[in-house]
Protein backbone atom coordinates (compact mmCIF):
# COMPACT_ATOMS: atom_id res chain seq x y z
CA PHE A 1 60.18 -134.70 -36.27
CA LEU A 2 61.12 -137.90 -38.07
CA GLU A 3 60.76 -136.38 -41.53
CA GLU A 4 63.19 -133.57 -40.69
CA TYR A 5 65.52 -135.89 -38.79
CA ALA A 6 65.69 -138.29 -41.73
CA LYS A 7 66.91 -135.45 -43.96
CA VAL A 8 69.69 -134.57 -41.51
CA ILE A 9 71.03 -138.12 -41.13
CA GLU A 10 71.50 -138.99 -44.79
CA THR A 11 75.23 -138.38 -44.48
CA LEU A 12 77.67 -138.54 -41.59
CA ARG A 13 78.28 -135.15 -40.01
CA ASP A 14 81.81 -133.74 -39.83
CA GLY A 15 83.74 -135.78 -37.29
CA GLU A 16 80.89 -138.25 -36.80
CA THR A 17 81.68 -141.95 -37.03
CA ILE A 18 79.32 -144.70 -38.08
CA SER A 19 79.46 -145.92 -34.46
CA ASP A 20 78.32 -142.48 -33.29
CA ARG A 21 75.41 -142.70 -35.71
CA ALA A 22 74.48 -146.20 -34.53
CA HIS A 23 74.45 -145.00 -30.90
CA GLU A 24 72.33 -141.97 -31.83
CA LEU A 25 69.78 -144.09 -33.68
CA ARG A 26 69.68 -146.52 -30.79
CA GLU A 27 68.84 -143.64 -28.45
CA VAL A 28 66.10 -142.39 -30.79
CA LEU A 29 64.54 -145.86 -30.93
CA LEU A 30 64.77 -146.24 -27.15
CA CYS A 31 63.01 -142.89 -26.67
CA PHE A 32 60.13 -144.02 -28.87
CA HIS A 33 60.00 -147.36 -27.04
CA ARG A 34 59.95 -145.71 -23.59
CA THR A 35 57.02 -143.51 -24.59
CA GLY A 36 55.15 -146.44 -26.08
CA LEU A 37 55.09 -144.88 -29.53
CA SER A 38 55.70 -146.83 -32.68
CA PRO A 39 54.78 -144.45 -35.48
CA ASP A 40 54.71 -145.62 -39.05
CA ARG A 41 57.25 -142.89 -39.81
CA LEU A 42 59.94 -144.91 -38.01
CA LYS A 43 60.27 -146.52 -41.43
CA LEU A 44 62.38 -143.47 -42.29
CA ILE A 45 64.92 -144.58 -39.68
CA TYR A 46 64.89 -148.19 -40.86
CA SER A 47 65.27 -147.04 -44.44
CA HIS A 48 68.31 -144.97 -43.42
CA ILE A 49 69.91 -147.97 -41.71
CA GLU A 50 69.14 -150.26 -44.63
CA ARG A 51 70.21 -147.84 -47.38
CA ASP A 52 72.88 -145.58 -45.93
CA PHE A 53 74.84 -147.82 -43.55
CA PRO A 54 76.06 -150.07 -46.41
CA GLN A 55 77.07 -146.91 -48.32
CA PHE A 56 79.00 -145.62 -45.29
CA GLU A 57 80.77 -148.96 -45.02
CA ALA A 58 81.53 -149.04 -48.75
CA ALA A 59 83.20 -145.65 -48.27
CA GLY A 60 85.42 -147.18 -45.58
CA ALA A 61 83.45 -146.33 -42.41
CA LEU A 62 83.03 -149.84 -41.01
CA LEU A 63 80.57 -150.37 -38.17
CA PRO A 64 82.29 -152.38 -35.42
CA MET A 65 80.50 -155.63 -34.58
CA PRO A 66 79.65 -154.66 -30.95
CA ASP A 67 77.91 -151.49 -32.17
CA ALA A 68 76.06 -153.36 -34.91
CA VAL A 69 74.91 -156.01 -32.45
CA SER A 70 73.81 -153.36 -29.96
CA LEU A 71 71.72 -151.52 -32.56
CA CYS A 72 70.17 -154.73 -33.90
CA HIS A 73 69.47 -155.97 -30.37
CA THR A 74 67.70 -152.70 -29.54
CA MET A 75 65.58 -152.91 -32.67
CA LEU A 76 64.61 -156.53 -32.01
CA ALA A 77 64.14 -156.25 -28.23
CA THR A 78 61.88 -153.20 -28.51
CA GLY A 79 59.93 -154.50 -31.49
CA LEU A 80 60.99 -151.38 -33.39
CA SER A 81 62.59 -152.99 -36.40
CA ALA A 82 62.28 -153.80 -40.06
CA PRO A 83 63.78 -156.88 -41.75
CA GLY A 84 66.05 -154.94 -44.10
CA ALA A 85 67.44 -152.80 -41.29
CA VAL A 86 68.33 -155.74 -39.08
């Protein structure tokens, strides 16, 4: 699942905002947390956040602070995080 998902999320979909993406990733992380799973492949998600979010912002799609805080809080509170992503 995560390998295929990572391919789909490399760019923002038509009409999708960076806030939409942050909320979607937050939901994905919460699903893994609720099931007690912390697969090594979550690194694909962290890599996306670390690599692609700055590119989205450089292209003018700024992530509002409340959404950034919410995503970071979820990653830290669930223990599903990586330093570069936070």
